[in-house]
Protein backbone atom coordinates (compact mmCIF):
# COMPACT_ATOMS: atom_id res chain seq x y z
CA UNK A 1 -3.27 -0.72 -0.08
CA UNK A 2 -0.99 2.41 -1.10
CA UNK A 3 -2.80 4.07 -4.07
CA UNK A 4 -0.17 7.51 -4.38
CA UNK A 5 3.15 5.77 -5.07
CA UNK A 6 6.15 6.49 -7.90
CA UNK A 7 5.88 4.61 -10.52
CA UNK A 8 7.41 1.11 -10.21
CA UNK A 9 7.96 -1.89 -12.86
CA UNK A 10 6.01 -4.75 -12.76
CA UNK A 11 7.95 -7.37 -14.11
CA UNK A 12 8.03 -10.20 -12.93
CA UNK A 13 11.30 -10.91 -10.47
CA UNK A 14 10.48 -14.70 -9.39
CA UNK A 15 14.36 -16.34 -8.94
CA UNK A 16 12.91 -19.26 -6.43
CA UNK A 17 15.30 -18.18 -3.46
CA UNK A 18 12.58 -17.37 -1.13
CA UNK A 19 10.49 -19.73 -0.04
CA UNK A 20 6.51 -20.70 -0.61
CA UNK A 21 3.59 -21.01 1.30
CA UNK A 22 2.57 -24.59 2.02
CA UNK A 23 2.59 -24.57 5.36
CA UNK A 24 0.30 -21.89 5.78
CA UNK A 25 -2.30 -22.55 3.58
CA UNK A 26 -2.26 -25.99 5.26
CA UNK A 27 -2.67 -24.38 8.22
CA UNK A 28 -6.21 -22.20 6.93
CA UNK A 29 -7.14 -25.85 5.61
CA UNK A 30 -7.49 -24.48 2.10
CA UNK A 31 -8.19 -26.15 -0.97
CA UNK A 32 -6.08 -26.85 -3.51
CA UNK A 33 -7.48 -24.73 -6.07
CA UNK A 34 -5.86 -21.59 -3.96
CA UNK A 35 -2.83 -23.70 -2.64
CA UNK A 36 0.44 -24.40 -4.12
CA UNK A 37 0.30 -27.90 -5.60
CA UNK A 38 1.71 -28.89 -9.26
CA UNK A 39 -0.78 -26.89 -11.25
CA UNK A 40 -0.82 -24.12 -9.07
CA UNK A 41 2.71 -23.69 -7.11
CA UNK A 42 3.46 -20.72 -9.20
CA UNK A 43 0.73 -18.94 -8.15
CA UNK A 44 2.80 -17.75 -5.17
CA UNK A 45 5.54 -15.82 -5.47
CA UNK A 46 8.43 -15.83 -3.41
CA UNK A 47 7.62 -14.64 0.28
CA UNK A 48 9.52 -12.03 1.99
CA UNK A 49 12.04 -13.46 4.11
CA UNK A 50 14.30 -11.44 7.19
CA UNK A 51 17.67 -10.32 5.98
CA UNK A 52 20.65 -11.83 7.16
CA UNK A 53 24.29 -11.68 7.28
CA UNK A 54 26.23 -8.37 7.85
CA UNK A 55 24.27 -5.86 5.74
CA UNK A 56 21.17 -6.97 8.17
CA UNK A 57 23.32 -6.77 10.98
CA UNK A 58 24.97 -3.14 10.52
CA UNK A 59 21.43 -1.89 9.44
CA UNK A 60 19.46 -3.60 12.39
CA UNK A 61 18.56 -0.64 13.79
CA UNK A 62 17.53 1.21 11.01
CA UNK A 63 16.14 -1.91 8.40
CA UNK A 64 12.96 -2.09 10.25
CA UNK A 65 12.49 1.60 9.98
CA UNK A 66 13.05 1.97 13.58
CA UNK A 67 16.00 4.56 14.67
CA UNK A 68 16.34 5.29 18.19
CA UNK A 69 15.25 8.87 17.92
CA UNK A 70 12.02 9.71 15.84
CA UNK A 71 11.99 13.66 15.94
CA UNK A 72 12.32 15.47 12.79
CA UNK A 73 15.40 17.05 11.07
CA UNK A 74 15.25 19.48 8.69
CA UNK A 75 17.85 18.70 6.01
CA UNK A 76 20.12 21.26 3.93
CA UNK A 77 22.53 21.92 1.67
CA UNK A 78 25.71 23.95 2.41
CA UNK A 79 26.94 25.18 -0.98
CA UNK A 80 30.76 26.44 0.36
CA UNK A 81 31.54 22.76 2.12
CA UNK A 82 29.14 20.78 -0.70
CA UNK A 83 27.99 18.92 1.89
CA UNK A 84 24.10 18.06 3.05
CA UNK A 85 23.44 19.52 6.64
CA UNK A 86 20.55 18.67 9.64
CA UNK A 87 18.91 20.58 11.63
CA UNK A 88 16.97 20.01 14.52
CA UNK A 89 14.45 22.49 15.33
CA UNK A 90 13.62 20.27 18.93
CA UNK A 91 17.26 20.59 19.84
CA UNK A 92 18.54 23.08 17.89
CA UNK A 93 21.45 21.33 16.82
CA UNK A 94 22.64 21.00 13.50
CA UNK A 95 25.35 18.18 12.20
CA UNK A 96 26.78 17.11 8.58
CA UNK A 97 26.36 13.55 9.76
CA UNK A 98 22.49 11.62 8.91
CA UNK A 99 20.75 12.01 11.79
CA UNK A 100 18.89 8.80 13.89
CA UNK A 101 15.60 10.48 13.23
CA UNK A 102 13.38 11.45 9.84
CA UNK A 103 14.56 14.24 7.60
CA UNK A 104 12.43 16.41 5.43
CA UNK A 105 14.75 18.20 2.51
CA UNK A 106 14.00 21.76 2.14
CA UNK A 107 13.67 21.33 -1.85
CA UNK A 108 14.10 18.34 -4.60
CA UNK A 109 17.55 20.03 -4.71
CA UNK A 110 18.53 19.40 -1.47
CA UNK A 111 17.10 16.18 -1.52
CA UNK A 112 19.42 14.87 -4.59
CA UNK A 113 22.45 15.93 -2.44
CA UNK A 114 21.24 14.12 0.45
CA UNK A 115 20.31 10.98 -1.47
CA UNK A 116 23.79 11.21 -3.26
CA UNK A 117 25.68 11.53 -0.04
CA UNK A 118 24.06 8.78 0.88
CA UNK A 119 25.12 6.46 -1.85
CA UNK A 120 27.91 5.06 0.50
CA UNK A 121 27.87 0.95 1.80
CA UNK A 122 25.92 0.87 4.78
CA UNK A 123 23.89 4.19 4.44
CA UNK A 124 21.39 2.81 1.71
CA UNK A 125 18.52 2.41 4.42
CA UNK A 126 18.45 5.87 6.18
CA UNK A 127 17.36 7.12 2.63
CA UNK A 128 14.19 5.48 4.14
CA UNK A 129 14.24 8.15 6.35
CA UNK A 130 13.32 11.08 4.39
CA UNK A 131 10.53 12.38 4.29
CA UNK A 132 8.75 13.61 0.79
CA UNK A 133 9.71 17.49 -0.42
CA UNK A 134 6.64 18.69 0.42
CA UNK A 135 4.52 20.74 -2.30
CA UNK A 136 5.75 24.31 -2.53
CA UNK A 137 2.27 25.98 -2.05
CA UNK A 138 2.13 24.20 0.69
CA UNK A 139 4.93 26.54 2.60
CA UNK A 140 5.31 23.93 5.46
CA UNK A 141 8.77 21.98 5.77
CA UNK A 142 6.43 20.08 8.86
CA UNK A 143 3.55 19.20 5.83
CA UNK A 144 3.69 15.32 6.24
CA UNK A 145 5.03 15.18 9.35
CA UNK A 146 2.16 16.94 11.24
CA UNK A 147 -0.05 13.69 9.51
CA UNK A 148 2.21 10.89 11.19
CA UNK A 149 -0.32 9.64 13.84
CA UNK A 150 -2.96 9.69 10.86
CA UNK A 151 -1.64 7.60 9.14
CA UNK A 152 -0.28 5.23 12.25
CA UNK A 153 -1.72 5.75 15.71
CA UNK A 154 1.03 3.78 16.94
CA UNK A 155 3.92 5.68 15.15
CA UNK A 156 5.76 6.87 18.03
CA UNK A 157 5.76 3.15 19.00
CA UNK A 158 8.17 2.45 16.05
CA UNK A 159 6.35 2.45 13.14
CA UNK A 160 8.40 1.45 9.63
CA UNK A 161 8.09 3.90 6.92
CA UNK A 162 9.99 4.88 3.39
CA UNK A 163 9.28 8.07 1.46
CA UNK A 164 6.61 6.47 -0.53
CA UNK A 165 4.56 5.33 2.45
CA UNK A 166 4.40 9.03 3.62
CA UNK A 167 1.83 10.27 0.52
CA UNK A 168 0.77 6.69 -0.04
CA UNK A 169 -0.39 5.05 2.60
CA UNK A 170 -4.32 5.07 3.62
CA UNK A 171 -4.93 6.84 6.81
CA UNK A 172 -5.63 4.19 10.14
CA UNK A 173 -9.12 5.53 10.50
CA UNK A 174 -9.99 5.06 6.83
CA UNK A 175 -8.40 2.13 6.41
CA UNK A 176 -10.32 0.72 9.43
CA UNK A 177 -13.49 2.04 7.94
CA UNK A 178 -12.87 0.22 4.49
CA UNK A 179 -12.49 -3.11 5.89
CA UNK A 180 -15.57 -2.83 7.80
CA UNK A 181 -17.25 -2.28 4.94
CA UNK A 182 -15.88 -4.63 2.82
CA UNK A 183 -17.00 -7.43 5.55
CA UNK A 184 -20.11 -6.00 5.66
CA UNK A 185 -21.02 -6.15 1.79
CA UNK A 186 -19.67 -9.95 2.40
CA UNK A 187 -21.50 -10.85 5.16
CA UNK A 188 -24.44 -8.08 5.66
CA UNK A 189 -25.00 -5.95 9.11
CA UNK A 190 -26.72 -9.24 10.72
CA UNK A 191 -24.19 -11.88 9.11
CA UNK A 192 -26.65 -12.84 6.86
CA UNK A 193 -26.79 -10.89 3.86
CA UNK A 194 -24.34 -9.05 1.53
CA UNK A 195 -22.17 -11.12 -1.20
CA UNK A 196 -23.36 -14.56 0.49
CA UNK A 197 -21.16 -15.33 3.55
CA UNK A 198 -23.38 -15.45 7.41
CA UNK A 199 -22.41 -16.01 10.78
CA UNK A 200 -19.58 -17.73 11.39
CA UNK A 201 -17.62 -16.66 8.66
CA UNK A 202 -13.68 -16.89 8.21
CA UNK A 203 -12.76 -14.59 5.31
CA UNK A 204 -9.86 -14.02 2.81
CA UNK A 205 -8.53 -10.86 1.50
CA UNK A 206 -6.07 -9.96 -0.71
CA UNK A 207 -4.44 -6.25 -0.72
CA UNK A 208 -3.12 -5.89 -4.11
CA UNK A 209 -1.11 -3.11 -3.53
CA UNK A 210 0.18 -3.16 -0.44
CA UNK A 211 3.08 -0.65 0.80
CA UNK A 212 3.89 -0.59 4.42
CA UNK A 213 0.69 -2.46 5.53
CA UNK A 214 -2.02 -0.26 6.24
CA UNK A 215 -5.05 -1.81 4.48
CA UNK A 216 -3.80 -5.45 5.04
CA UNK A 217 -3.34 -4.32 9.14
CA UNK A 218 -6.70 -3.03 9.60
CA UNK A 219 -8.20 -6.16 7.28
CA UNK A 220 -6.44 -8.58 9.65
CA UNK A 221 -7.33 -6.80 12.53
CA UNK A 222 -11.13 -7.98 11.98
CA UNK A 223 -12.18 -11.29 13.24
CA UNK A 224 -14.48 -12.34 10.30
CA UNK A 225 -11.37 -12.40 8.31
CA UNK A 226 -9.21 -15.23 9.40
CA UNK A 227 -6.20 -14.54 6.91
CA UNK A 228 -4.90 -11.54 4.36
CA UNK A 229 -2.15 -12.04 1.16
CA UNK A 230 -0.37 -8.78 0.83
CA UNK A 231 1.70 -8.02 -2.30
CA UNK A 232 4.41 -5.77 -2.87
CA UNK A 233 6.81 -5.45 -5.50
CA UNK A 234 9.26 -3.80 -3.61
CA UNK A 235 11.29 -6.02 -1.01
CA UNK A 236 12.23 -3.53 1.24
CA UNK A 237 8.90 -1.81 1.33
CA UNK A 238 7.20 -5.26 2.22
CA UNK A 239 9.36 -6.20 4.81
CA UNK A 240 8.57 -2.38 6.49
CA UNK A 241 4.73 -4.18 6.24
CA UNK A 242 5.68 -6.84 8.29
CA UNK A 243 7.53 -5.15 10.93
CA UNK A 244 4.16 -2.96 11.19
CA UNK A 245 1.62 -5.83 11.03
CA UNK A 246 3.56 -6.97 14.11
CA UNK A 247 3.68 -3.87 15.92
CA UNK A 248 -0.09 -3.76 15.26
CA UNK A 249 -0.32 -7.46 17.03
CA UNK A 250 -1.88 -9.23 13.61
CA UNK A 251 1.33 -10.69 11.67
CA UNK A 252 0.20 -14.42 12.41
CA UNK A 253 -2.71 -13.34 10.43
CA UNK A 254 -0.78 -11.55 7.01
CA UNK A 255 1.23 -13.54 4.52
CA UNK A 256 3.49 -10.58 3.22
CA UNK A 257 4.28 -11.74 -0.88
CA UNK A 258 7.08 -9.57 -2.88
CA UNK A 259 5.20 -10.30 -5.76
CA UNK A 260 3.84 -8.16 -8.76
CA UNK A 261 0.11 -8.67 -8.05
CA UNK A 262 -0.72 -9.58 -11.86
CA UNK A 263 1.60 -12.16 -11.77
CA UNK A 264 0.05 -13.48 -8.32
CA UNK A 265 -3.49 -13.65 -9.89
CA UNK A 266 -2.94 -14.67 -13.20
CA UNK A 267 -0.38 -17.93 -12.44
CA UNK A 268 -3.69 -19.29 -11.14
CA UNK A 269 -6.86 -19.27 -13.37
CA UNK A 270 -8.70 -21.91 -11.53
CA UNK A 271 -8.88 -19.60 -8.37
CA UNK A 272 -12.21 -17.89 -7.98
CA UNK A 273 -14.29 -16.71 -4.67
CA UNK A 274 -15.59 -19.56 -2.46
CA UNK A 275 -14.77 -21.28 0.38
CA UNK A 276 -11.06 -20.62 0.81
CA UNK A 277 -11.49 -18.34 -1.77
CA UNK A 278 -10.28 -14.20 -2.07
CA UNK A 279 -13.82 -12.90 -0.73
CA UNK A 280 -12.27 -9.12 -0.21
CA UNK A 281 -9.81 -7.50 -3.05
CA UNK A 282 -8.65 -4.01 -2.25
CA UNK A 283 -7.19 -2.08 -4.77
CA UNK A 284 -4.85 0.63 -4.55
CA UNK A 285 -3.12 1.00 -7.56
CA UNK A 286 -0.01 3.48 -7.95
CA UNK A 287 -1.01 7.03 -9.62
CA UNK A 288 2.13 8.53 -9.51
CA UNK A 289 2.22 10.44 -6.22
CA UNK A 290 2.29 14.07 -5.57
CA UNK A 291 2.48 16.52 -8.09
CA UNK A 292 1.56 13.77 -10.27
CA UNK A 293 -1.25 14.83 -13.78
CA UNK A 294 -0.41 18.74 -12.48
CA UNK A 295 1.07 19.99 -15.87
CA UNK A 296 -2.14 19.13 -17.18
CA UNK A 297 -3.99 21.43 -14.68
CA UNK A 298 -5.66 24.16 -15.87
CA UNK A 299 -7.38 25.33 -12.40
CA UNK A 300 -8.09 23.76 -9.30
CA UNK A 301 -11.79 23.23 -10.32
CA UNK A 302 -11.02 21.61 -13.26
CA UNK A 303 -8.37 19.23 -12.88
CA UNK A 304 -9.66 15.70 -13.33
CA UNK A 305 -7.30 12.74 -12.42
CA UNK A 306 -7.29 10.28 -15.64
CA UNK A 307 -8.05 6.61 -14.21
CA UNK A 308 -8.20 4.91 -17.77
CA UNK A 309 -4.78 3.57 -17.25
CA UNK A 310 -2.78 4.20 -14.23
CA UNK A 311 1.11 4.71 -14.48
CA UNK A 312 3.14 1.77 -14.66
CA UNK A 313 0.46 -1.21 -15.07
CA UNK A 314 0.15 -3.54 -17.11
CA UNK A 315 -3.58 -3.33 -18.24
CA UNK A 316 -5.75 -0.50 -18.16
CA UNK A 317 -8.64 0.01 -15.43
CA UNK A 318 -11.11 -1.98 -17.15
CA UNK A 319 -9.38 -4.71 -17.43
CA UNK A 320 -7.92 -4.88 -13.70
CA UNK A 321 -11.31 -4.78 -12.62
CA UNK A 322 -12.38 -7.55 -14.59
CA UNK A 323 -10.06 -9.53 -13.22
CA UNK A 324 -10.44 -8.75 -9.62
CA UNK A 325 -13.68 -9.14 -10.17
CA UNK A 326 -13.56 -12.78 -11.50
CA UNK A 327 -11.55 -13.90 -8.35
CA UNK A 328 -13.05 -12.00 -5.58
CA UNK A 329 -16.92 -11.57 -4.09
CA UNK A 330 -15.94 -7.66 -3.09
CA UNK A 331 -13.80 -5.14 -4.49
CA UNK A 332 -12.87 -2.09 -2.88
CA UNK A 333 -11.18 0.60 -5.47
CA UNK A 334 -9.27 3.29 -3.30
CA UNK A 335 -8.86 6.35 -6.25
CA UNK A 336 -7.52 10.33 -5.97
CA UNK A 337 -10.33 12.71 -4.85
CA UNK A 338 -9.55 14.68 -8.31
CA UNK A 339 -11.13 11.75 -10.33
CA UNK A 340 -12.99 12.39 -13.22
CA UNK A 341 -16.20 10.89 -12.35
CA UNK A 342 -17.49 10.33 -16.14
CA UNK A 343 -14.74 8.71 -16.77
CA UNK A 344 -15.55 6.14 -13.76
CA UNK A 345 -18.55 5.80 -15.02
CA UNK A 346 -17.41 4.39 -18.56
CA UNK A 347 -14.99 2.05 -16.75
CA UNK A 348 -17.85 0.33 -15.03
CA UNK A 349 -20.03 -0.01 -18.09
CA UNK A 350 -17.23 -1.14 -19.93
CA UNK A 351 -16.72 -3.74 -17.04
CA UNK A 352 -20.31 -4.71 -16.94
CA UNK A 353 -20.64 -3.66 -13.39
CA UNK A 354 -24.22 -2.13 -13.01
CA UNK A 355 -24.19 -1.29 -9.28
CA UNK A 356 -21.30 0.25 -7.20
CA UNK A 357 -21.08 2.24 -4.39
CA UNK A 358 -18.81 5.71 -4.70
CA UNK A 359 -17.49 7.21 -0.61
CA UNK A 360 -16.13 10.32 -0.51
CA UNK A 361 -13.69 9.90 1.84
CA UNK A 362 -12.67 12.96 3.83
CA UNK A 363 -10.48 13.64 7.23
CA UNK A 364 -12.69 16.84 8.56
CA UNK A 365 -13.16 19.22 6.42
CA UNK A 366 -10.29 17.96 3.88
CA UNK A 367 -11.07 16.05 0.84
CA UNK A 368 -9.04 12.95 0.79
CA UNK A 369 -9.99 10.65 -1.76
CA UNK A 370 -12.75 8.43 -2.98
CA UNK A 371 -13.39 4.86 -2.57
CA UNK A 372 -15.56 2.85 -4.88
CA UNK A 373 -17.15 -0.99 -3.49
CA UNK A 374 -18.29 -3.40 -5.77
CA UNK A 375 -19.94 -6.78 -4.92
CA UNK A 376 -19.31 -9.92 -7.52
CA UNK A 377 -23.37 -10.25 -7.73
CA UNK A 378 -23.66 -6.68 -9.25
CA UNK A 379 -21.91 -7.87 -12.11
CA UNK A 380 -23.69 -8.57 -15.54
CA UNK A 381 -22.57 -11.53 -17.65
CA UNK A 382 -21.64 -9.84 -21.07
CA UNK A 383 -24.09 -10.36 -23.68
């Protein structure tokens, strides 16, 4: 899941040009209430297909985010020549051409000049190798680059990234912990408790906001999980998620759907948890990215992130939880660390959740985020 991403449009974009998932559903022996039939075929949006043609060939070395050199370059701007330039601290070389590695712009103005210079045929893919501009108070150009192995341990083996992924993907160890925690809630510590599935379980998971695949990969890596559905609205990002899943050896267990998650669920009202349904639903809603909400910040100690309605989503958080808990046994909600806890309590009451678990997620001593775990059995029926 990818929580800290820029606001995106969640309008349906179903042009029917890509195939459905009948074969995958048949292999999983899932019932028709979860598979494409006359009544439910629209439940599945189009699958992400590999690009074909000249454009794919031209960008084949970059389309998966795997440049030949994966070093870091610093992007600057020369006002005299009115051109961006790139400098490698490792080799001490500079050049005008966009380099084969990753680039961190010195500031937002430089980033704008770089993007403008990349608006040429055959260069758009290169924009995916731009790192976010480091927050000014950090005063470190390598702020995000230094976290690359925290995000993906196999980064140097060719992990595919885009600019948003650097601040939105769940760090690998945390994603693994979240996956194991959700499975435990489904199965119990010894396979005899939790939300009702025992030994020999075959769980199905859904990552609602998949991004480049951080959470979907760790869910699929667990033997108790038989299949994962990963929704991602941006096609190029879903392709990167697929490449990363293949790199981690779990691509065969994940269906990547270029789909609006809300339409994905809304198109099949009969979908419910149970044999062949969704057991684990991971929600990492987009909350705007670095600096989001900073204008309302009066002081670090007082700043709280408003989670009542995440930017760009078609429903508020209460509605999102209601929908998720109507189809899944266990729901994990990944939230910013500055979440207003009083507001979270109000949301849970409004969603009729009377018991839930909140984890504060740390990396060493750094407070990163919060994860809320909810079991369907802990939801009261409305009076």
